[in-house]
Amino acid sequence: MKTWTLAAALVLACTYSGAQTAQSARKPCDDLKADIAKKLDAKNVTDYSLDIVDKGKEGDGKVVGGCDGGTKSIVYSKTKPSQAAAPAEKKAQ
């Protein structure tokens, strides 16, 4: 009896996680990009860019999301520090 209960729980867990993945893949790219930017800003991440590109053409950036049914990727890349931060760093040295 325990074996059947465990098997049923595993099937249910796999089904639920698959449904969550399918939902996130259908999310519009602009909405997902805004959600990711909000999370990065909340963690005080600066000097970054998020770009929406075709799947398979991500380049050197890190893929942080997929959208439009899995046909596009959202790529995170660090950018050069802003000009306002550069003079402050030079004074500290």
PDB file of N, CA and C in Angstrom:
ATOM      1  N   MET A   1       0.822  -1.194   0.000  1.00  0.00           N
ATOM      2  CA  MET A   1       0.000   0.000   0.000  1.00  0.00           C
ATOM      3  C   MET A   1       0.867   1.260   0.000  1.00  0.00           C
ATOM      4  N   LYS A   2       1.947   1.235   0.792  1.00  0.00           N
ATOM      5  CA  LYS A   2       2.834   2.401   0.845  1.00  0.00           C
ATOM      6  C   LYS A   2       3.498   2.660  -0.504  1.00  0.00           C
ATOM      7  N   THR A   3       3.796   1.582  -1.223  1.00  0.00           N
ATOM      8  CA  THR A   3       4.433   1.731  -2.537  1.00  0.00           C
ATOM      9  C   THR A   3       3.511   2.469  -3.497  1.00  0.00           C
ATOM     10  N   TRP A   4       2.234   2.111  -3.504  1.00  0.00           N
ATOM     11  CA  TRP A   4       1.285   2.775  -4.390  1.00  0.00           C
ATOM     12  C   TRP A   4       1.095   4.239  -4.005  1.00  0.00           C
ATOM     13  N   THR A   5       1.076   4.513  -2.723  1.00  0.00           N
ATOM     14  CA  THR A   5       0.924   5.895  -2.259  1.00  0.00           C
ATOM     15  C   THR A   5       2.118   6.728  -2.677  1.00  0.00           C
ATOM     16  N   LEU A   6       3.315   6.166  -2.521  1.00  0.00           N
ATOM     17  CA  LEU A   6       4.531   6.874  -2.916  1.00  0.00           C
ATOM     18  C   LEU A   6       4.558   7.106  -4.425  1.00  0.00           C
ATOM     19  N   ALA A   7       4.193   6.088  -5.192  1.00  0.00           N
ATOM     20  CA  ALA A   7       4.168   6.226  -6.653  1.00  0.00           C
ATOM     21  C   ALA A   7       3.171   7.292  -7.090  1.00  0.00           C
ATOM     22  N   ALA A   8       2.003   7.313  -6.475  1.00  0.00           N
ATOM     23  CA  ALA A   8       0.988   8.315  -6.820  1.00  0.00           C
ATOM     24  C   ALA A   8       1.482   9.721  -6.471  1.00  0.00           C
ATOM     25  N   ALA A   9       2.168   9.864  -5.345  1.00  0.00           N
ATOM     26  CA  ALA A   9       2.692  11.172  -4.945  1.00  0.00           C
ATOM     27  C   ALA A   9       3.751  11.656  -5.929  1.00  0.00           C
ATOM     28  N   LEU A  10       4.615  10.745  -6.379  1.00  0.00           N
ATOM     29  CA  LEU A  10       5.648  11.127  -7.350  1.00  0.00           C
ATOM     30  C   LEU A  10       5.039  11.548  -8.685  1.00  0.00           C
ATOM     31  N   VAL A  11       4.051  10.823  -9.143  1.00  0.00           N
ATOM     32  CA  VAL A  11       3.379  11.176 -10.407  1.00  0.00           C
ATOM     33  C   VAL A  11       2.718  12.537 -10.284  1.00  0.00           C
ATOM     34  N   LEU A  12       2.055  12.782  -9.170  1.00  0.00           N
ATOM     35  CA  LEU A  12       1.391  14.060  -8.949  1.00  0.00           C
ATOM     36  C   LEU A  12       2.409  15.205  -8.907  1.00  0.00           C
ATOM     37  N   ALA A  13       3.531  14.992  -8.234  1.00  0.00           N
ATOM     38  CA  ALA A  13       4.562  16.032  -8.143  1.00  0.00           C
ATOM     39  C   ALA A  13       5.148  16.342  -9.515  1.00  0.00           C
ATOM     40  N   CYS A  14       5.408  15.316 -10.309  1.00  0.00           N
ATOM     41  CA  CYS A  14       5.951  15.528 -11.657  1.00  0.00           C
ATOM     42  C   CYS A  14       4.958  16.252 -12.548  1.00  0.00           C
ATOM     43  N   THR A  15       3.701  15.913 -12.447  1.00  0.00           N
ATOM     44  CA  THR A  15       2.661  16.563 -13.240  1.00  0.00           C
ATOM     45  C   THR A  15       2.553  18.040 -12.874  1.00  0.00           C
ATOM     46  N   TYR A  16       2.596  18.336 -11.579  1.00  0.00           N
ATOM     47  CA  TYR A  16       2.489  19.720 -11.121  1.00  0.00           C
ATOM     48  C   TYR A  16       3.676  20.549 -11.598  1.00  0.00           C
ATOM     49  N   SER A  17       4.898  20.025 -11.485  1.00  0.00           N
ATOM     50  CA  SER A  17       6.075  20.799 -11.909  1.00  0.00           C
ATOM     51  C   SER A  17       6.077  21.008 -13.413  1.00  0.00           C
ATOM     52  N   GLY A  18       5.608  20.028 -14.167  1.00  0.00           N
ATOM     53  CA  GLY A  18       5.522  20.182 -15.617  1.00  0.00           C
ATOM     54  C   GLY A  18       4.518  21.250 -16.012  1.00  0.00           C
ATOM     55  N   ALA A  19       3.423  21.346 -15.282  1.00  0.00           N
ATOM     56  CA  ALA A  19       2.412  22.368 -15.563  1.00  0.00           C
ATOM     57  C   ALA A  19       2.966  23.756 -15.267  1.00  0.00           C
ATOM     58  N   GLN A  20       3.748  23.891 -14.208  1.00  0.00           N
ATOM     59  CA  GLN A  20       4.340  25.183 -13.871  1.00  0.00           C
ATOM     60  C   GLN A  20       5.317  25.618 -14.958  1.00  0.00           C
ATOM     61  N   THR A  21       6.117  24.696 -15.463  1.00  0.00           N
ATOM     62  CA  THR A  21       7.079  25.017 -16.519  1.00  0.00           C
ATOM     63  C   THR A  21       6.354  25.453 -17.778  1.00  0.00           C
ATOM     64  N   ALA A  22       5.283  24.782 -18.131  1.00  0.00           N
ATOM     65  CA  ALA A  22       4.532  25.133 -19.328  1.00  0.00           C
ATOM     66  C   ALA A  22       3.907  26.513 -19.193  1.00  0.00           C
ATOM     67  N   GLN A  23       3.429  26.864 -17.994  1.00  0.00           N
ATOM     68  CA  GLN A  23       2.844  28.186 -17.795  1.00  0.00           C
ATOM     69  C   GLN A  23       3.884  29.279 -17.964  1.00  0.00           C
ATOM     70  N   SER A  24       5.074  29.099 -17.404  1.00  0.00           N
ATOM     71  CA  SER A  24       6.083  30.142 -17.502  1.00  0.00           C
ATOM     72  C   SER A  24       6.574  30.302 -18.935  1.00  0.00           C
ATOM     73  N   ALA A  25       6.568  29.225 -19.719  1.00  0.00           N
ATOM     74  CA  ALA A  25       7.015  29.312 -21.106  1.00  0.00           C
ATOM     75  C   ALA A  25       6.031  30.110 -21.953  1.00  0.00           C
ATOM     76  N   ARG A  26       4.761  30.176 -21.542  1.00  0.00           N
ATOM     77  CA  ARG A  26       3.755  30.901 -22.300  1.00  0.00           C
ATOM     78  C   ARG A  26       3.679  32.376 -21.918  1.00  0.00           C
ATOM     79  N   LYS A  27       4.417  32.791 -20.924  1.00  0.00           N
ATOM     80  CA  LYS A  27       4.356  34.175 -20.460  1.00  0.00           C
ATOM     81  C   LYS A  27       4.957  35.097 -21.525  1.00  0.00           C
ATOM     82  N   PRO A  28       4.319  36.235 -21.776  1.00  0.00           N
ATOM     83  CA  PRO A  28       4.869  37.188 -22.760  1.00  0.00           C
ATOM     84  C   PRO A  28       6.258  37.673 -22.321  1.00  0.00           C
ATOM     85  N   CYS A  29       7.122  37.859 -23.281  1.00  0.00           N
ATOM     86  CA  CYS A  29       8.515  38.218 -22.995  1.00  0.00           C
ATOM     87  C   CYS A  29       8.647  39.536 -22.227  1.00  0.00           C
ATOM     88  N   ASP A  30       7.878  40.533 -22.598  1.00  0.00           N
ATOM     89  CA  ASP A  30       7.987  41.828 -21.913  1.00  0.00           C
ATOM     90  C   ASP A  30       7.590  41.727 -20.443  1.00  0.00           C
ATOM     91  N   ASP A  31       6.567  40.920 -20.153  1.00  0.00           N
ATOM     92  CA  ASP A  31       6.143  40.730 -18.761  1.00  0.00           C
ATOM     93  C   ASP A  31       7.218  40.011 -17.954  1.00  0.00           C
ATOM     94  N   LEU A  32       7.792  38.960 -18.530  1.00  0.00           N
ATOM     95  CA  LEU A  32       8.827  38.207 -17.832  1.00  0.00           C
ATOM     96  C   LEU A  32      10.080  39.062 -17.638  1.00  0.00           C
ATOM     97  N   LYS A  33      10.431  39.830 -18.648  1.00  0.00           N
ATOM     98  CA  LYS A  33      11.598  40.716 -18.544  1.00  0.00           C
ATOM     99  C   LYS A  33      11.394  41.736 -17.415  1.00  0.00           C
ATOM    100  N   ALA A  34      10.189  42.280 -17.302  1.00  0.00           N
ATOM    101  CA  ALA A  34       9.891  43.242 -16.238  1.00  0.00           C
ATOM    102  C   ALA A  34       9.966  42.575 -14.861  1.00  0.00           C
ATOM    103  N   ASP A  35       9.477  41.335 -14.749  1.00  0.00           N
ATOM    104  CA  ASP A  35       9.551  40.603 -13.485  1.00  0.00           C
ATOM    105  C   ASP A  35      11.000  40.354 -13.072  1.00  0.00           C
ATOM    106  N   ILE A  36      11.829  39.957 -14.024  1.00  0.00           N
ATOM    107  CA  ILE A  36      13.242  39.687 -13.733  1.00  0.00           C
ATOM    108  C   ILE A  36      13.954  40.974 -13.338  1.00  0.00           C
ATOM    109  N   ALA A  37      13.676  42.066 -14.048  1.00  0.00           N
ATOM    110  CA  ALA A  37      14.300  43.356 -13.731  1.00  0.00           C
ATOM    111  C   ALA A  37      13.908  43.810 -12.327  1.00  0.00           C
ATOM    112  N   LYS A  38      12.644  43.591 -11.958  1.00  0.00           N
ATOM    113  CA  LYS A  38      12.175  43.972 -10.629  1.00  0.00           C
ATOM    114  C   LYS A  38      12.941  43.195  -9.547  1.00  0.00           C
ATOM    115  N   LYS A  39      13.170  41.901  -9.769  1.00  0.00           N
ATOM    116  CA  LYS A  39      13.909  41.079  -8.800  1.00  0.00           C
ATOM    117  C   LYS A  39      15.373  41.528  -8.704  1.00  0.00           C
ATOM    118  N   LEU A  40      15.979  41.844  -9.838  1.00  0.00           N
ATOM    119  CA  LEU A  40      17.374  42.303  -9.818  1.00  0.00           C
ATOM    120  C   LEU A  40      17.497  43.651  -9.113  1.00  0.00           C
ATOM    121  N   ASP A  41      16.561  44.548  -9.383  1.00  0.00           N
ATOM    122  CA  ASP A  41      16.574  45.861  -8.731  1.00  0.00           C
ATOM    123  C   ASP A  41      16.369  45.731  -7.223  1.00  0.00           C
ATOM    124  N   ALA A  42      15.524  44.798  -6.808  1.00  0.00           N
ATOM    125  CA  ALA A  42      15.288  44.581  -5.382  1.00  0.00           C
ATOM    126  C   ALA A  42      16.541  44.085  -4.666  1.00  0.00           C
ATOM    127  N   LYS A  43      17.418  43.408  -5.418  1.00  0.00           N
ATOM    128  CA  LYS A  43      18.683  42.927  -4.844  1.00  0.00           C
ATOM    129  C   LYS A  43      19.811  43.932  -5.057  1.00  0.00           C
ATOM    130  N   ASN A  44      19.457  45.142  -5.483  1.00  0.00           N
ATOM    131  CA  ASN A  44      20.419  46.231  -5.724  1.00  0.00           C
ATOM    132  C   ASN A  44      21.469  45.883  -6.772  1.00  0.00           C
ATOM    133  N   VAL A  45      21.099  45.086  -7.755  1.00  0.00           N
ATOM    134  CA  VAL A  45      21.993  44.780  -8.867  1.00  0.00           C
ATOM    135  C   VAL A  45      21.980  45.980  -9.811  1.00  0.00           C
ATOM    136  N   THR A  46      23.156  46.433 -10.198  1.00  0.00           N
ATOM    137  CA  THR A  46      23.260  47.576 -11.115  1.00  0.00           C
ATOM    138  C   THR A  46      24.103  47.194 -12.320  1.00  0.00           C
ATOM    139  N   ASP A  47      24.095  48.039 -13.287  1.00  0.00           N
ATOM    140  CA  ASP A  47      24.918  47.883 -14.486  1.00  0.00           C
ATOM    141  C   ASP A  47      24.695  46.540 -15.176  1.00  0.00           C
ATOM    142  N   TYR A  48      23.470  46.292 -15.590  1.00  0.00           N
ATOM    143  CA  TYR A  48      23.133  45.068 -16.299  1.00  0.00           C
ATOM    144  C   TYR A  48      22.193  45.394 -17.445  1.00  0.00           C
ATOM    145  N   SER A  49      22.065  44.446 -18.354  1.00  0.00           N
ATOM    146  CA  SER A  49      21.058  44.572 -19.408  1.00  0.00           C
ATOM    147  C   SER A  49      20.341  43.240 -19.545  1.00  0.00           C
ATOM    148  N   LEU A  50      19.078  43.308 -19.882  1.00  0.00           N
ATOM    149  CA  LEU A  50      18.269  42.135 -20.174  1.00  0.00           C
ATOM    150  C   LEU A  50      17.815  42.264 -21.625  1.00  0.00           C
ATOM    151  N   ASP A  51      18.135  41.264 -22.426  1.00  0.00           N
ATOM    152  CA  ASP A  51      17.789  41.303 -23.839  1.00  0.00           C
ATOM    153  C   ASP A  51      16.947  40.095 -24.206  1.00  0.00           C
ATOM    154  N   ILE A  52      15.950  40.327 -25.046  1.00  0.00           N
ATOM    155  CA  ILE A  52      15.104  39.252 -25.554  1.00  0.00           C
ATOM    156  C   ILE A  52      15.668  38.844 -26.910  1.00  0.00           C
ATOM    157  N   VAL A  53      16.061  37.569 -27.025  1.00  0.00           N
ATOM    158  CA  VAL A  53      16.665  37.068 -28.263  1.00  0.00           C
ATOM    159  C   VAL A  53      16.005  35.750 -28.655  1.00  0.00           C
ATOM    160  N   ASP A  54      16.191  35.365 -29.911  1.00  0.00           N
ATOM    161  CA  ASP A  54      15.685  34.070 -30.362  1.00  0.00           C
ATOM    162  C   ASP A  54      16.449  32.953 -29.665  1.00  0.00           C
ATOM    163  N   LYS A  55      15.747  31.875 -29.370  1.00  0.00           N
ATOM    164  CA  LYS A  55      16.377  30.732 -28.715  1.00  0.00           C
ATOM    165  C   LYS A  55      17.499  30.206 -29.616  1.00  0.00           C
ATOM    166  N   GLY A  56      18.635  29.938 -29.013  1.00  0.00           N
ATOM    167  CA  GLY A  56      19.788  29.455 -29.759  1.00  0.00           C
ATOM    168  C   GLY A  56      20.741  30.561 -30.179  1.00  0.00           C
ATOM    169  N   LYS A  57      20.349  31.817 -29.978  1.00  0.00           N
ATOM    170  CA  LYS A  57      21.193  32.959 -30.363  1.00  0.00           C
ATOM    171  C   LYS A  57      21.520  33.806 -29.142  1.00  0.00           C
ATOM    172  N   GLU A  58      21.780  33.125 -28.006  1.00  0.00           N
ATOM    173  CA  GLU A  58      21.980  33.821 -26.742  1.00  0.00           C
ATOM    174  C   GLU A  58      23.319  34.538 -26.641  1.00  0.00           C
ATOM    175  N   GLY A  59      24.345  34.076 -27.321  1.00  0.00           N
ATOM    176  CA  GLY A  59      25.657  34.723 -27.252  1.00  0.00           C
ATOM    177  C   GLY A  59      26.357  34.441 -25.932  1.00  0.00           C
ATOM    178  N   ASP A  60      27.080  35.445 -25.426  1.00  0.00           N
ATOM    179  CA  ASP A  60      27.888  35.265 -24.227  1.00  0.00           C
ATOM    180  C   ASP A  60      27.134  35.488 -22.933  1.00  0.00           C
ATOM    181  N   GLY A  61      25.940  36.029 -22.970  1.00  0.00           N
ATOM    182  CA  GLY A  61      25.187  36.324 -21.757  1.00  0.00           C
ATOM    183  C   GLY A  61      24.635  35.062 -21.113  1.00  0.00           C
ATOM    184  N   LYS A  62      24.081  35.239 -19.915  1.00  0.00           N
ATOM    185  CA  LYS A  62      23.479  34.133 -19.170  1.00  0.00           C
ATOM    186  C   LYS A  62      21.977  34.130 -19.405  1.00  0.00           C
ATOM    187  N   VAL A  63      21.435  32.995 -19.798  1.00  0.00           N
ATOM    188  CA  VAL A  63      19.997  32.870 -20.019  1.00  0.00           C
ATOM    189  C   VAL A  63      19.315  32.820 -18.655  1.00  0.00           C
ATOM    190  N   VAL A  64      18.411  33.775 -18.420  1.00  0.00           N
ATOM    191  CA  VAL A  64      17.713  33.855 -17.129  1.00  0.00           C
ATOM    192  C   VAL A  64      16.215  33.602 -17.268  1.00  0.00           C
ATOM    193  N   GLY A  65      15.753  33.320 -18.482  1.00  0.00           N
ATOM    194  CA  GLY A  65      14.335  33.040 -18.663  1.00  0.00           C
ATOM    195  C   GLY A  65      14.025  32.657 -20.092  1.00  0.00           C
ATOM    196  N   GLY A  66      12.880  32.005 -20.250  1.00  0.00           N
ATOM    197  CA  GLY A  66      12.387  31.646 -21.572  1.00  0.00           C
ATOM    198  C   GLY A  66      10.950  32.123 -21.692  1.00  0.00           C
ATOM    199  N   CYS A  67      10.550  32.509 -22.889  1.00  0.00           N
ATOM    200  CA  CYS A  67       9.203  33.044 -23.074  1.00  0.00           C
ATOM    201  C   CYS A  67       8.705  32.764 -24.483  1.00  0.00           C
ATOM    202  N   ASP A  68       7.507  33.211 -24.760  1.00  0.00           N
ATOM    203  CA  ASP A  68       6.848  33.012 -26.056  1.00  0.00           C
ATOM    204  C   ASP A  68       6.849  31.541 -26.469  1.00  0.00           C
ATOM    205  N   GLY A  69       6.429  30.700 -25.533  1.00  0.00           N
ATOM    206  CA  GLY A  69       6.330  29.278 -25.841  1.00  0.00           C
ATOM    207  C   GLY A  69       7.672  28.605 -26.040  1.00  0.00           C
ATOM    208  N   GLY A  70       8.721  29.166 -25.465  1.00  0.00           N
ATOM    209  CA  GLY A  70      10.060  28.567 -25.575  1.00  0.00           C
ATOM    210  C   GLY A  70      10.808  28.962 -26.835  1.00  0.00           C
ATOM    211  N   THR A  71      10.280  29.914 -27.601  1.00  0.00           N
ATOM    212  CA  THR A  71      10.953  30.332 -28.836  1.00  0.00           C
ATOM    213  C   THR A  71      11.944  31.470 -28.615  1.00  0.00           C
ATOM    214  N   LYS A  72      11.853  32.135 -27.470  1.00  0.00           N
ATOM    215  CA  LYS A  72      12.737  33.261 -27.161  1.00  0.00           C
ATOM    216  C   LYS A  72      13.385  33.048 -25.801  1.00  0.00           C
ATOM    217  N   SER A  73      14.524  33.701 -25.594  1.00  0.00           N
ATOM    218  CA  SER A  73      15.233  33.648 -24.319  1.00  0.00           C
ATOM    219  C   SER A  73      15.481  35.064 -23.834  1.00  0.00           C
ATOM    220  N   ILE A  74      15.559  35.212 -22.508  1.00  0.00           N
ATOM    221  CA  ILE A  74      15.937  36.484 -21.915  1.00  0.00           C
ATOM    222  C   ILE A  74      17.354  36.313 -21.397  1.00  0.00           C
ATOM    223  N   VAL A  75      18.247  37.172 -21.866  1.00  0.00           N
ATOM    224  CA  VAL A  75      19.671  37.045 -21.572  1.00  0.00           C
ATOM    225  C   VAL A  75      20.121  38.199 -20.687  1.00  0.00           C
ATOM    226  N   TYR A  76      20.820  37.844 -19.603  1.00  0.00           N
ATOM    227  CA  TYR A  76      21.378  38.817 -18.656  1.00  0.00           C
ATOM    228  C   TYR A  76      22.843  39.039 -19.008  1.00  0.00           C
ATOM    229  N   SER A  77      23.251  40.315 -19.076  1.00  0.00           N
ATOM    230  CA  SER A  77      24.651  40.666 -19.318  1.00  0.00           C
ATOM    231  C   SER A  77      25.041  41.818 -18.407  1.00  0.00           C
ATOM    232  N   LYS A  78      26.251  41.771 -17.888  1.00  0.00           N
ATOM    233  CA  LYS A  78      26.779  42.893 -17.116  1.00  0.00           C
ATOM    234  C   LYS A  78      27.204  43.974 -18.099  1.00  0.00           C
ATOM    235  N   THR A  79      26.984  45.223 -17.723  1.00  0.00           N
ATOM    236  CA  THR A  79      27.428  46.340 -18.544  1.00  0.00           C
ATOM    237  C   THR A  79      28.512  47.087 -17.790  1.00  0.00           C
ATOM    238  N   LYS A  80      29.153  48.007 -18.446  1.00  0.00           N
ATOM    239  CA  LYS A  80      30.183  48.807 -17.786  1.00  0.00           C
ATOM    240  C   LYS A  80      29.537  49.670 -16.715  1.00  0.00           C
ATOM    241  N   PRO A  81      30.265  49.919 -15.609  1.00  0.00           N
ATOM    242  CA  PRO A  81      29.697  50.770 -14.548  1.00  0.00           C
ATOM    243  C   PRO A  81      29.293  52.127 -15.085  1.00  0.00           C
ATOM    244  N   SER A  82      28.261  52.675 -14.484  1.00  0.00           N
ATOM    245  CA  SER A  82      27.778  53.984 -14.923  1.00  0.00           C
ATOM    246  C   SER A  82      28.820  55.051 -14.615  1.00  0.00           C
ATOM    247  N   GLN A  83      28.745  56.167 -15.307  1.00  0.00           N
ATOM    248  CA  GLN A  83      29.719  57.249 -15.141  1.00  0.00           C
ATOM    249  C   GLN A  83      29.686  57.838 -13.736  1.00  0.00           C
ATOM    250  N   ALA A  84      28.536  57.824 -13.071  1.00  0.00           N
ATOM    251  CA  ALA A  84      28.417  58.395 -11.728  1.00  0.00           C
ATOM    252  C   ALA A  84      29.205  57.570 -10.709  1.00  0.00           C
ATOM    253  N   ALA A  85      29.297  56.259 -10.904  1.00  0.00           N
ATOM    254  CA  ALA A  85      29.987  55.402  -9.968  1.00  0.00           C
ATOM    255  C   ALA A  85      31.501  55.426 -10.183  1.00  0.00           C
ATOM    256  N   ALA A  86      31.957  55.702 -11.389  1.00  0.00           N
ATOM    257  CA  ALA A  86      33.382  55.658 -11.695  1.00  0.00           C
ATOM    258  C   ALA A  86      34.203  56.677 -10.879  1.00  0.00           C
ATOM    259  N   PRO A  87      33.826  57.958 -10.756  1.00  0.00           N
ATOM    260  CA  PRO A  87      34.631  58.890  -9.959  1.00  0.00           C
ATOM    261  C   PRO A  87      34.698  58.499  -8.488  1.00  0.00           C
ATOM    262  N   ALA A  88      33.646  57.933  -7.945  1.00  0.00           N
ATOM    263  CA  ALA A  88      33.641  57.533  -6.543  1.00  0.00           C
ATOM    264  C   ALA A  88      34.648  56.420  -6.309  1.00  0.00           C
ATOM    265  N   GLU A  89      34.779  55.509  -7.263  1.00  0.00           N
ATOM    266  CA  GLU A  89      35.745  54.414  -7.127  1.00  0.00           C
ATOM    267  C   GLU A  89      37.167  54.947  -7.174  1.00  0.00           C
ATOM    268  N   LYS A  90      37.423  55.946  -8.010  1.00  0.00           N
ATOM    269  CA  LYS A  90      38.771  56.496  -8.126  1.00  0.00           C
ATOM    270  C   LYS A  90      39.168  57.222  -6.840  1.00  0.00           C
ATOM    271  N   LYS A  91      38.234  57.889  -6.201  1.00  0.00           N
ATOM    272  CA  LYS A  91      38.531  58.594  -4.949  1.00  0.00           C
ATOM    273  C   LYS A  91      38.863  57.611  -3.843  1.00  0.00           C
ATOM    274  N   ALA A  92      38.221  56.442  -3.844  1.00  0.00           N
ATOM    275  CA  ALA A  92      38.441  55.448  -2.793  1.00  0.00           C
ATOM    276  C   ALA A  92      39.846  54.846  -2.892  1.00  0.00           C
ATOM    277  N   GLN A  93      40.424  54.843  -4.070  1.00  0.00           N
ATOM    278  CA  GLN A  93      41.747  54.237  -4.244  1.00  0.00           C
ATOM    279  C   GLN A  93      42.763  55.223  -3.834  1.00  0.00           C
TER     280      GLN A  93
END
